[in-house]
Structure formats: structure tokens, C-alpha cells
Amino acid sequence: MLITTHPKLPMRNKSLTKEFYIAKLGFQDIGTADYDGYLMVKKDGVEIHFFEYKDLNPHENYGQVYFRTDDIDGLYHSFLENNTVIHPNGNLTTKPWVKKNFPY
């Protein structure tokens, strides 16, 4: 049955998106070919695909992806080590609604 999903998200600029996900978030490029306007990255068991949408207005885009982690502190420190800018309203924390051992 189903075991995973790979979100496909819009990106305005492939080189900036690639730089951010690889250099700042620690993903790796997994594309076997460099397709114009398409990017595939992976980290641990998470794979994300991006398609180019140059006219995307970030203020009108409501797409979101939630990442679950079993080591929020390690993830947070890896971002800091890569000088990743974290939005001041989006500090990484364990939320009360997250089960300790989520079944998925």
C-alpha cells in the first residue's frame, strides 16, 4: 500500500531554490538529469519535487508542507550551523499536539 508521498511545490527560481535546500537545509540533489524548470531534492526519508512557476506571488501562495522530526534540537542546530535564516515567528519547537511516537 502507500508508504510515502513526495510533495511537488512551485518555485520561482531554480538556482535559488536549489541553493537554499542543499546549502541551508542539508538536502541533496537527486535528479539524474538536469531538467529545465524542475528540481528534485532529498534528505533522510523526505523527497521534494519543485516545478518552475516564475509568476508565483508568494503573498498569494498558500501551499505548505509540514516536516516531522524526532530530533528538533539537532535539526535546529544544523540549520544554525548552515547560517539558515529562521523566521522570528517560526521558531522550531515541539508542539503540544504532536504525539511523542506518532504512528506515521
PDB file of N, CA and C in Angstrom:
ATOM      1  N   MET A   1       0.829  -1.189   0.000  1.00  0.00           N
ATOM      2  CA  MET A   1       0.000   0.000   0.000  1.00  0.00           C
ATOM      3  C   MET A   1       0.875   1.255   0.000  1.00  0.00           C
ATOM      4  N   LEU A   2       0.280   2.391   0.190  1.00  0.00           N
ATOM      5  CA  LEU A   2       1.022   3.647   0.163  1.00  0.00           C
ATOM      6  C   LEU A   2       2.042   3.704   1.296  1.00  0.00           C
ATOM      7  N   ILE A   3       3.235   4.162   0.993  1.00  0.00           N
ATOM      8  CA  ILE A   3       4.267   4.258   2.031  1.00  0.00           C
ATOM      9  C   ILE A   3       4.901   5.629   2.133  1.00  0.00           C
ATOM     10  N   THR A   4       4.747   6.458   1.129  1.00  0.00           N
ATOM     11  CA  THR A   4       5.373   7.780   1.187  1.00  0.00           C
ATOM     12  C   THR A   4       4.681   8.719   0.209  1.00  0.00           C
ATOM     13  N   THR A   5       4.986   9.991   0.348  1.00  0.00           N
ATOM     14  CA  THR A   5       4.498  10.991  -0.596  1.00  0.00           C
ATOM     15  C   THR A   5       5.631  11.953  -0.892  1.00  0.00           C
ATOM     16  N   HIS A   6       5.628  12.499  -2.086  1.00  0.00           N
ATOM     17  CA  HIS A   6       6.643  13.458  -2.488  1.00  0.00           C
ATOM     18  C   HIS A   6       5.931  14.722  -2.952  1.00  0.00           C
ATOM     19  N   PRO A   7       5.873  15.731  -2.093  1.00  0.00           N
ATOM     20  CA  PRO A   7       5.201  16.971  -2.497  1.00  0.00           C
ATOM     21  C   PRO A   7       5.869  17.580  -3.721  1.00  0.00           C
ATOM     22  N   LYS A   8       5.066  18.175  -4.542  1.00  0.00           N
ATOM     23  CA  LYS A   8       5.545  18.890  -5.731  1.00  0.00           C
ATOM     24  C   LYS A   8       5.121  20.341  -5.534  1.00  0.00           C
ATOM     25  N   LEU A   9       6.130  21.207  -5.336  1.00  0.00           N
ATOM     26  CA  LEU A   9       5.878  22.595  -4.972  1.00  0.00           C
ATOM     27  C   LEU A   9       6.343  23.548  -6.055  1.00  0.00           C
ATOM     28  N   PRO A  10       5.711  24.712  -6.152  1.00  0.00           N
ATOM     29  CA  PRO A  10       6.170  25.705  -7.116  1.00  0.00           C
ATOM     30  C   PRO A  10       7.429  26.411  -6.627  1.00  0.00           C
ATOM     31  N   MET A  11       8.264  26.810  -7.574  1.00  0.00           N
ATOM     32  CA  MET A  11       9.459  27.615  -7.254  1.00  0.00           C
ATOM     33  C   MET A  11       9.557  28.711  -8.299  1.00  0.00           C
ATOM     34  N   ARG A  12      10.028  29.859  -7.881  1.00  0.00           N
ATOM     35  CA  ARG A  12      10.206  30.957  -8.830  1.00  0.00           C
ATOM     36  C   ARG A  12      11.562  30.914  -9.502  1.00  0.00           C
ATOM     37  N   ASN A  13      12.580  30.409  -8.799  1.00  0.00           N
ATOM     38  CA  ASN A  13      13.942  30.446  -9.310  1.00  0.00           C
ATOM     39  C   ASN A  13      14.642  29.139  -8.918  1.00  0.00           C
ATOM     40  N   LYS A  14      14.967  28.337  -9.906  1.00  0.00           N
ATOM     41  CA  LYS A  14      15.551  27.024  -9.639  1.00  0.00           C
ATOM     42  C   LYS A  14      16.892  27.119  -8.918  1.00  0.00           C
ATOM     43  N   SER A  15      17.774  27.995  -9.346  1.00  0.00           N
ATOM     44  CA  SER A  15      19.098  28.057  -8.720  1.00  0.00           C
ATOM     45  C   SER A  15      19.009  28.518  -7.265  1.00  0.00           C
ATOM     46  N   LEU A  16      18.140  29.481  -6.958  1.00  0.00           N
ATOM     47  CA  LEU A  16      17.973  29.932  -5.567  1.00  0.00           C
ATOM     48  C   LEU A  16      17.327  28.851  -4.706  1.00  0.00           C
ATOM     49  N   THR A  17      16.350  28.161  -5.253  1.00  0.00           N
ATOM     50  CA  THR A  17      15.691  27.079  -4.520  1.00  0.00           C
ATOM     51  C   THR A  17      16.679  25.961  -4.235  1.00  0.00           C
ATOM     52  N   LYS A  18      17.444  25.598  -5.241  1.00  0.00           N
ATOM     53  CA  LYS A  18      18.442  24.536  -5.094  1.00  0.00           C
ATOM     54  C   LYS A  18      19.488  24.923  -4.048  1.00  0.00           C
ATOM     55  N   GLU A  19      19.976  26.132  -4.113  1.00  0.00           N
ATOM     56  CA  GLU A  19      20.971  26.624  -3.156  1.00  0.00           C
ATOM     57  C   GLU A  19      20.425  26.564  -1.726  1.00  0.00           C
ATOM     58  N   PHE A  20      19.197  27.024  -1.527  1.00  0.00           N
ATOM     59  CA  PHE A  20      18.614  27.051  -0.193  1.00  0.00           C
ATOM     60  C   PHE A  20      18.433  25.643   0.367  1.00  0.00           C
ATOM     61  N   TYR A  21      17.830  24.755  -0.404  1.00  0.00           N
ATOM     62  CA  TYR A  21      17.546  23.413   0.104  1.00  0.00           C
ATOM     63  C   TYR A  21      18.812  22.583   0.299  1.00  0.00           C
ATOM     64  N   ILE A  22      19.808  22.782  -0.538  1.00  0.00           N
ATOM     65  CA  ILE A  22      21.038  21.989  -0.416  1.00  0.00           C
ATOM     66  C   ILE A  22      22.001  22.614   0.595  1.00  0.00           C
ATOM     67  N   ALA A  23      22.328  23.885   0.434  1.00  0.00           N
ATOM     68  CA  ALA A  23      23.330  24.523   1.299  1.00  0.00           C
ATOM     69  C   ALA A  23      22.795  24.872   2.683  1.00  0.00           C
ATOM     70  N   LYS A  24      21.536  25.255   2.780  1.00  0.00           N
ATOM     71  CA  LYS A  24      20.996  25.718   4.059  1.00  0.00           C
ATOM     72  C   LYS A  24      20.241  24.637   4.828  1.00  0.00           C
ATOM     73  N   LEU A  25      19.475  23.796   4.119  1.00  0.00           N
ATOM     74  CA  LEU A  25      18.661  22.800   4.800  1.00  0.00           C
ATOM     75  C   LEU A  25      19.266  21.399   4.767  1.00  0.00           C
ATOM     76  N   GLY A  26      20.352  21.211   4.012  1.00  0.00           N
ATOM     77  CA  GLY A  26      21.052  19.932   4.018  1.00  0.00           C
ATOM     78  C   GLY A  26      20.464  18.850   3.132  1.00  0.00           C
ATOM     79  N   PHE A  27      19.636  19.210   2.165  1.00  0.00           N
ATOM     80  CA  PHE A  27      19.115  18.237   1.210  1.00  0.00           C
ATOM     81  C   PHE A  27      20.190  17.940   0.171  1.00  0.00           C
ATOM     82  N   GLN A  28      19.974  16.893  -0.617  1.00  0.00           N
ATOM     83  CA  GLN A  28      20.869  16.607  -1.726  1.00  0.00           C
ATOM     84  C   GLN A  28      20.066  16.566  -3.016  1.00  0.00           C
ATOM     85  N   ASP A  29      20.692  16.942  -4.101  1.00  0.00           N
ATOM     86  CA  ASP A  29      20.068  16.910  -5.418  1.00  0.00           C
ATOM     87  C   ASP A  29      19.994  15.454  -5.852  1.00  0.00           C
ATOM     88  N   ILE A  30      18.820  14.971  -6.208  1.00  0.00           N
ATOM     89  CA  ILE A  30      18.689  13.580  -6.617  1.00  0.00           C
ATOM     90  C   ILE A  30      18.264  13.426  -8.068  1.00  0.00           C
ATOM     91  N   GLY A  31      18.229  14.523  -8.794  1.00  0.00           N
ATOM     92  CA  GLY A  31      17.866  14.423 -10.200  1.00  0.00           C
ATOM     93  C   GLY A  31      18.953  13.721 -10.988  1.00  0.00           C
ATOM     94  N   THR A  32      18.557  12.744 -11.803  1.00  0.00           N
ATOM     95  CA  THR A  32      19.534  12.053 -12.639  1.00  0.00           C
ATOM     96  C   THR A  32      19.807  12.834 -13.921  1.00  0.00           C
ATOM     97  N   ALA A  33      18.944  13.794 -14.194  1.00  0.00           N
ATOM     98  CA  ALA A  33      19.137  14.684 -15.343  1.00  0.00           C
ATOM     99  C   ALA A  33      18.728  16.084 -14.890  1.00  0.00           C
ATOM    100  N   ASP A  34      19.338  17.103 -15.480  1.00  0.00           N
ATOM    101  CA  ASP A  34      19.019  18.474 -15.110  1.00  0.00           C
ATOM    102  C   ASP A  34      17.936  19.000 -16.055  1.00  0.00           C
ATOM    103  N   TYR A  35      16.680  18.799 -15.665  1.00  0.00           N
ATOM    104  CA  TYR A  35      15.569  19.258 -16.482  1.00  0.00           C
ATOM    105  C   TYR A  35      15.322  20.740 -16.242  1.00  0.00           C
ATOM    106  N   ASP A  36      15.090  21.469 -17.307  1.00  0.00           N
ATOM    107  CA  ASP A  36      14.742  22.880 -17.169  1.00  0.00           C
ATOM    108  C   ASP A  36      13.476  23.008 -16.344  1.00  0.00           C
ATOM    109  N   GLY A  37      13.526  23.863 -15.341  1.00  0.00           N
ATOM    110  CA  GLY A  37      12.326  24.164 -14.576  1.00  0.00           C
ATOM    111  C   GLY A  37      11.863  23.068 -13.640  1.00  0.00           C
ATOM    112  N   TYR A  38      12.702  22.083 -13.343  1.00  0.00           N
ATOM    113  CA  TYR A  38      12.301  21.010 -12.438  1.00  0.00           C
ATOM    114  C   TYR A  38      13.468  20.653 -11.533  1.00  0.00           C
ATOM    115  N   LEU A  39      13.188  20.389 -10.261  1.00  0.00           N
ATOM    116  CA  LEU A  39      14.222  20.088  -9.284  1.00  0.00           C
ATOM    117  C   LEU A  39      13.710  19.014  -8.328  1.00  0.00           C
ATOM    118  N   MET A  40      14.576  18.045  -7.999  1.00  0.00           N
ATOM    119  CA  MET A  40      14.235  17.012  -7.022  1.00  0.00           C
ATOM    120  C   MET A  40      15.333  16.988  -5.959  1.00  0.00           C
ATOM    121  N   VAL A  41      14.936  17.079  -4.692  1.00  0.00           N
ATOM    122  CA  VAL A  41      15.886  17.039  -3.583  1.00  0.00           C
ATOM    123  C   VAL A  41      15.409  16.026  -2.551  1.00  0.00           C
ATOM    124  N   LYS A  42      16.364  15.534  -1.741  1.00  0.00           N
ATOM    125  CA  LYS A  42      16.033  14.523  -0.738  1.00  0.00           C
ATOM    126  C   LYS A  42      16.912  14.717   0.493  1.00  0.00           C
ATOM    127  N   LYS A  43      16.311  14.458   1.652  1.00  0.00           N
ATOM    128  CA  LYS A  43      17.052  14.441   2.914  1.00  0.00           C
ATOM    129  C   LYS A  43      16.392  13.393   3.796  1.00  0.00           C
ATOM    130  N   ASP A  44      17.209  12.488   4.307  1.00  0.00           N
ATOM    131  CA  ASP A  44      16.694  11.374   5.098  1.00  0.00           C
ATOM    132  C   ASP A  44      15.610  10.675   4.274  1.00  0.00           C
ATOM    133  N   GLY A  45      14.407  10.537   4.779  1.00  0.00           N
ATOM    134  CA  GLY A  45      13.339   9.882   4.031  1.00  0.00           C
ATOM    135  C   GLY A  45      12.393  10.847   3.345  1.00  0.00           C
ATOM    136  N   VAL A  46      12.783  12.124   3.264  1.00  0.00           N
ATOM    137  CA  VAL A  46      11.910  13.145   2.690  1.00  0.00           C
ATOM    138  C   VAL A  46      12.404  13.542   1.304  1.00  0.00           C
ATOM    139  N   GLU A  47      11.519  13.489   0.332  1.00  0.00           N
ATOM    140  CA  GLU A  47      11.843  13.892  -1.039  1.00  0.00           C
ATOM    141  C   GLU A  47      10.853  14.971  -1.463  1.00  0.00           C
ATOM    142  N   ILE A  48      11.369  16.046  -2.043  1.00  0.00           N
ATOM    143  CA  ILE A  48      10.524  17.141  -2.517  1.00  0.00           C
ATOM    144  C   ILE A  48      10.853  17.409  -3.981  1.00  0.00           C
ATOM    145  N   HIS A  49       9.824  17.602  -4.777  1.00  0.00           N
ATOM    146  CA  HIS A  49       9.987  17.980  -6.174  1.00  0.00           C
ATOM    147  C   HIS A  49       9.497  19.417  -6.323  1.00  0.00           C
ATOM    148  N   PHE A  50      10.157  20.160  -7.177  1.00  0.00           N
ATOM    149  CA  PHE A  50       9.769  21.543  -7.444  1.00  0.00           C
ATOM    150  C   PHE A  50       9.570  21.733  -8.944  1.00  0.00           C
ATOM    151  N   PHE A  51       8.569  22.508  -9.303  1.00  0.00           N
ATOM    152  CA  PHE A  51       8.367  22.886 -10.694  1.00  0.00           C
ATOM    153  C   PHE A  51       8.447  24.408 -10.795  1.00  0.00           C
ATOM    154  N   GLU A  52       8.984  24.870 -11.885  1.00  0.00           N
ATOM    155  CA  GLU A  52       9.182  26.311 -12.052  1.00  0.00           C
ATOM    156  C   GLU A  52       7.857  27.012 -12.328  1.00  0.00           C
ATOM    157  N   TYR A  53       7.631  28.078 -11.589  1.00  0.00           N
ATOM    158  CA  TYR A  53       6.455  28.923 -11.731  1.00  0.00           C
ATOM    159  C   TYR A  53       6.926  30.348 -11.464  1.00  0.00           C
ATOM    160  N   LYS A  54       7.496  30.963 -12.490  1.00  0.00           N
ATOM    161  CA  LYS A  54       8.154  32.265 -12.335  1.00  0.00           C
ATOM    162  C   LYS A  54       7.214  33.375 -11.895  1.00  0.00           C
ATOM    163  N   ASP A  55       5.942  33.274 -12.238  1.00  0.00           N
ATOM    164  CA  ASP A  55       4.983  34.322 -11.889  1.00  0.00           C
ATOM    165  C   ASP A  55       4.342  34.111 -10.513  1.00  0.00           C
ATOM    166  N   LEU A  56       4.827  33.157  -9.758  1.00  0.00           N
ATOM    167  CA  LEU A  56       4.274  32.878  -8.435  1.00  0.00           C
ATOM    168  C   LEU A  56       4.396  34.107  -7.540  1.00  0.00           C
ATOM    169  N   ASN A  57       3.302  34.479  -6.924  1.00  0.00           N
ATOM    170  CA  ASN A  57       3.299  35.566  -5.950  1.00  0.00           C
ATOM    171  C   ASN A  57       3.290  34.922  -4.565  1.00  0.00           C
ATOM    172  N   PRO A  58       4.399  34.997  -3.814  1.00  0.00           N
ATOM    173  CA  PRO A  58       4.461  34.339  -2.507  1.00  0.00           C
ATOM    174  C   PRO A  58       3.376  34.797  -1.538  1.00  0.00           C
ATOM    175  N   HIS A  59       2.859  36.000  -1.734  1.00  0.00           N
ATOM    176  CA  HIS A  59       1.820  36.517  -0.849  1.00  0.00           C
ATOM    177  C   HIS A  59       0.459  35.904  -1.157  1.00  0.00           C
ATOM    178  N   GLU A  60       0.343  35.233  -2.300  1.00  0.00           N
ATOM    179  CA  GLU A  60      -0.916  34.598  -2.683  1.00  0.00           C
ATOM    180  C   GLU A  60      -0.799  33.081  -2.731  1.00  0.00           C
ATOM    181  N   ASN A  61       0.324  32.542  -2.317  1.00  0.00           N
ATOM    182  CA  ASN A  61       0.535  31.100  -2.351  1.00  0.00           C
ATOM    183  C   ASN A  61       0.280  30.527  -0.960  1.00  0.00           C
ATOM    184  N   TYR A  62      -0.647  29.596  -0.880  1.00  0.00           N
ATOM    185  CA  TYR A  62      -0.993  29.027   0.414  1.00  0.00           C
ATOM    186  C   TYR A  62      -0.475  27.599   0.569  1.00  0.00           C
ATOM    187  N   GLY A  63       0.386  27.155  -0.327  1.00  0.00           N
ATOM    188  CA  GLY A  63       0.955  25.821  -0.220  1.00  0.00           C
ATOM    189  C   GLY A  63       1.854  25.716   1.002  1.00  0.00           C
ATOM    190  N   GLN A  64       1.758  24.593   1.694  1.00  0.00           N
ATOM    191  CA  GLN A  64       2.569  24.367   2.887  1.00  0.00           C
ATOM    192  C   GLN A  64       2.951  22.898   2.965  1.00  0.00           C
ATOM    193  N   VAL A  65       4.067  22.634   3.599  1.00  0.00           N
ATOM    194  CA  VAL A  65       4.494  21.270   3.879  1.00  0.00           C
ATOM    195  C   VAL A  65       4.948  21.236   5.331  1.00  0.00           C
ATOM    196  N   TYR A  66       4.467  20.289   6.090  1.00  0.00           N
ATOM    197  CA  TYR A  66       4.910  20.097   7.461  1.00  0.00           C
ATOM    198  C   TYR A  66       5.945  18.982   7.490  1.00  0.00           C
ATOM    199  N   PHE A  67       7.044  19.207   8.188  1.00  0.00           N
ATOM    200  CA  PHE A  67       8.058  18.184   8.382  1.00  0.00           C
ATOM    201  C   PHE A  67       7.995  17.732   9.829  1.00  0.00           C
ATOM    202  N   ARG A  68       7.968  16.457  10.040  1.00  0.00           N
ATOM    203  CA  ARG A  68       8.037  15.910  11.391  1.00  0.00           C
ATOM    204  C   ARG A  68       9.459  15.411  11.624  1.00  0.00           C
ATOM    205  N   THR A  69       9.945  15.578  12.847  1.00  0.00           N
ATOM    206  CA  THR A  69      11.303  15.165  13.177  1.00  0.00           C
ATOM    207  C   THR A  69      11.323  14.494  14.544  1.00  0.00           C
ATOM    208  N   ASP A  70      12.285  13.620  14.749  1.00  0.00           N
ATOM    209  CA  ASP A  70      12.446  13.009  16.057  1.00  0.00           C
ATOM    210  C   ASP A  70      13.618  13.631  16.812  1.00  0.00           C
ATOM    211  N   ASP A  71      14.170  14.716  16.246  1.00  0.00           N
ATOM    212  CA  ASP A  71      15.300  15.407  16.893  1.00  0.00           C
ATOM    213  C   ASP A  71      15.250  16.896  16.551  1.00  0.00           C
ATOM    214  N   ILE A  72      14.308  17.606  17.149  1.00  0.00           N
ATOM    215  CA  ILE A  72      14.114  19.026  16.840  1.00  0.00           C
ATOM    216  C   ILE A  72      15.349  19.847  17.171  1.00  0.00           C
ATOM    217  N   ASP A  73      16.023  19.515  18.266  1.00  0.00           N
ATOM    218  CA  ASP A  73      17.220  20.271  18.637  1.00  0.00           C
ATOM    219  C   ASP A  73      18.342  20.074  17.627  1.00  0.00           C
ATOM    220  N   GLY A  74      18.565  18.836  17.208  1.00  0.00           N
ATOM    221  CA  GLY A  74      19.598  18.565  16.208  1.00  0.00           C
ATOM    222  C   GLY A  74      19.301  19.239  14.890  1.00  0.00           C
ATOM    223  N   LEU A  75      18.038  19.193  14.473  1.00  0.00           N
ATOM    224  CA  LEU A  75      17.639  19.844  13.226  1.00  0.00           C
ATOM    225  C   LEU A  75      17.850  21.350  13.312  1.00  0.00           C
ATOM    226  N   TYR A  76      17.403  21.941  14.410  1.00  0.00           N
ATOM    227  CA  TYR A  76      17.546  23.377  14.626  1.00  0.00           C
ATOM    228  C   TYR A  76      19.017  23.788  14.584  1.00  0.00           C
ATOM    229  N   HIS A  77      19.882  23.041  15.278  1.00  0.00           N
ATOM    230  CA  HIS A  77      21.308  23.372  15.297  1.00  0.00           C
ATOM    231  C   HIS A  77      21.967  23.163  13.935  1.00  0.00           C
ATOM    232  N   SER A  78      21.494  22.189  13.165  1.00  0.00           N
ATOM    233  CA  SER A  78      22.048  22.013  11.811  1.00  0.00           C
ATOM    234  C   SER A  78      21.708  23.216  10.938  1.00  0.00           C
ATOM    235  N   PHE A  79      20.516  23.776  11.130  1.00  0.00           N
ATOM    236  CA  PHE A  79      20.150  24.982  10.389  1.00  0.00           C
ATOM    237  C   PHE A  79      21.019  26.161  10.811  1.00  0.00           C
ATOM    238  N   LEU A  80      21.240  26.305  12.113  1.00  0.00           N
ATOM    239  CA  LEU A  80      22.081  27.403  12.602  1.00  0.00           C
ATOM    240  C   LEU A  80      23.512  27.275  12.079  1.00  0.00           C
ATOM    241  N   GLU A  81      24.038  26.044  12.050  1.00  0.00           N
ATOM    242  CA  GLU A  81      25.394  25.816  11.539  1.00  0.00           C
ATOM    243  C   GLU A  81      25.524  26.198  10.066  1.00  0.00           C
ATOM    244  N   ASN A  82      24.428  26.084   9.322  1.00  0.00           N
ATOM    245  CA  ASN A  82      24.426  26.451   7.905  1.00  0.00           C
ATOM    246  C   ASN A  82      24.022  27.906   7.686  1.00  0.00           C
ATOM    247  N   ASN A  83      23.938  28.669   8.780  1.00  0.00           N
ATOM    248  CA  ASN A  83      23.527  30.082   8.715  1.00  0.00           C
ATOM    249  C   ASN A  83      22.171  30.257   8.038  1.00  0.00           C
ATOM    250  N   THR A  84      21.269  29.329   8.323  1.00  0.00           N
ATOM    251  CA  THR A  84      19.924  29.395   7.766  1.00  0.00           C
ATOM    252  C   THR A  84      19.118  30.420   8.548  1.00  0.00           C
ATOM    253  N   VAL A  85      18.499  31.337   7.841  1.00  0.00           N
ATOM    254  CA  VAL A  85      17.663  32.343   8.483  1.00  0.00           C
ATOM    255  C   VAL A  85      16.335  31.691   8.839  1.00  0.00           C
ATOM    256  N   ILE A  86      15.975  31.765  10.110  1.00  0.00           N
ATOM    257  CA  ILE A  86      14.710  31.223  10.589  1.00  0.00           C
ATOM    258  C   ILE A  86      13.816  32.380  10.951  1.00  0.00           C
ATOM    259  N   HIS A  87      12.625  32.392  10.380  1.00  0.00           N
ATOM    260  CA  HIS A  87      11.684  33.480  10.614  1.00  0.00           C
ATOM    261  C   HIS A  87      11.423  33.611  12.116  1.00  0.00           C
ATOM    262  N   PRO A  88      11.442  34.821  12.651  1.00  0.00           N
ATOM    263  CA  PRO A  88      11.273  35.008  14.096  1.00  0.00           C
ATOM    264  C   PRO A  88       9.930  34.504  14.623  1.00  0.00           C
ATOM    265  N   ASN A  89       8.935  34.381  13.769  1.00  0.00           N
ATOM    266  CA  ASN A  89       7.639  33.860  14.203  1.00  0.00           C
ATOM    267  C   ASN A  89       7.556  32.356  14.016  1.00  0.00           C
ATOM    268  N   GLY A  90       8.621  31.746  13.542  1.00  0.00           N
ATOM    269  CA  GLY A  90       8.582  30.324  13.247  1.00  0.00           C
ATOM    270  C   GLY A  90       9.648  29.532  13.959  1.00  0.00           C
ATOM    271  N   ASN A  91       9.954  29.874  15.196  1.00  0.00           N
ATOM    272  CA  ASN A  91      10.963  29.114  15.931  1.00  0.00           C
ATOM    273  C   ASN A  91      10.579  27.645  15.989  1.00  0.00           C
ATOM    274  N   LEU A  92      11.580  26.781  15.872  1.00  0.00           N
ATOM    275  CA  LEU A  92      11.340  25.349  15.908  1.00  0.00           C
ATOM    276  C   LEU A  92      11.095  24.914  17.342  1.00  0.00           C
ATOM    277  N   THR A  93       9.961  24.288  17.570  1.00  0.00           N
ATOM    278  CA  THR A  93       9.608  23.825  18.909  1.00  0.00           C
ATOM    279  C   THR A  93       8.788  22.548  18.801  1.00  0.00           C
ATOM    280  N   THR A  94       8.750  21.814  19.893  1.00  0.00           N
ATOM    281  CA  THR A  94       7.857  20.664  19.984  1.00  0.00           C
ATOM    282  C   THR A  94       6.487  21.195  20.371  1.00  0.00           C
ATOM    283  N   LYS A  95       5.501  20.885  19.572  1.00  0.00           N
ATOM    284  CA  LYS A  95       4.150  21.392  19.802  1.00  0.00           C
ATOM    285  C   LYS A  95       3.359  20.408  20.663  1.00  0.00           C
ATOM    286  N   PRO A  96       2.431  20.908  21.483  1.00  0.00           N
ATOM    287  CA  PRO A  96       1.676  20.023  22.379  1.00  0.00           C
ATOM    288  C   PRO A  96       0.793  19.025  21.640  1.00  0.00           C
ATOM    289  N   TRP A  97       0.413  19.320  20.397  1.00  0.00           N
ATOM    290  CA  TRP A  97      -0.462  18.419  19.664  1.00  0.00           C
ATOM    291  C   TRP A  97       0.304  17.300  18.946  1.00  0.00           C
ATOM    292  N   VAL A  98       1.614  17.309  19.015  1.00  0.00           N
ATOM    293  CA  VAL A  98       2.411  16.279  18.379  1.00  0.00           C
ATOM    294  C   VAL A  98       2.591  15.115  19.339  1.00  0.00           C
ATOM    295  N   LYS A  99       2.187  13.935  18.886  1.00  0.00           N
ATOM    296  CA  LYS A  99       2.345  12.737  19.710  1.00  0.00           C
ATOM    297  C   LYS A  99       3.826  12.394  19.803  1.00  0.00           C
ATOM    298  N   LYS A 100       4.229  11.893  20.935  1.00  0.00           N
ATOM    299  CA  LYS A 100       5.629  11.564  21.145  1.00  0.00           C
ATOM    300  C   LYS A 100       6.098  10.500  20.144  1.00  0.00           C
ATOM    301  N   ASN A 101       5.316   9.475  19.946  1.00  0.00           N
ATOM    302  CA  ASN A 101       5.662   8.415  18.994  1.00  0.00           C
ATOM    303  C   ASN A 101       4.549   8.339  17.958  1.00  0.00           C
ATOM    304  N   PHE A 102       4.540   9.285  17.034  1.00  0.00           N
ATOM    305  CA  PHE A 102       3.470   9.313  16.042  1.00  0.00           C
ATOM    306  C   PHE A 102       3.564   8.076  15.151  1.00  0.00           C
ATOM    307  N   PRO A 103       2.406   7.485  14.791  1.00  0.00           N
ATOM    308  CA  PRO A 103       2.393   6.226  14.053  1.00  0.00           C
ATOM    309  C   PRO A 103       2.629   6.360  12.554  1.00  0.00           C
ATOM    310  N   TYR A 104       2.953   7.511  12.070  1.00  0.00           N
ATOM    311  CA  TYR A 104       3.133   7.675  10.625  1.00  0.00           C
ATOM    312  C   TYR A 104       4.425   8.352  10.294  1.00  0.00           C
TER     313      TYR A 104
END
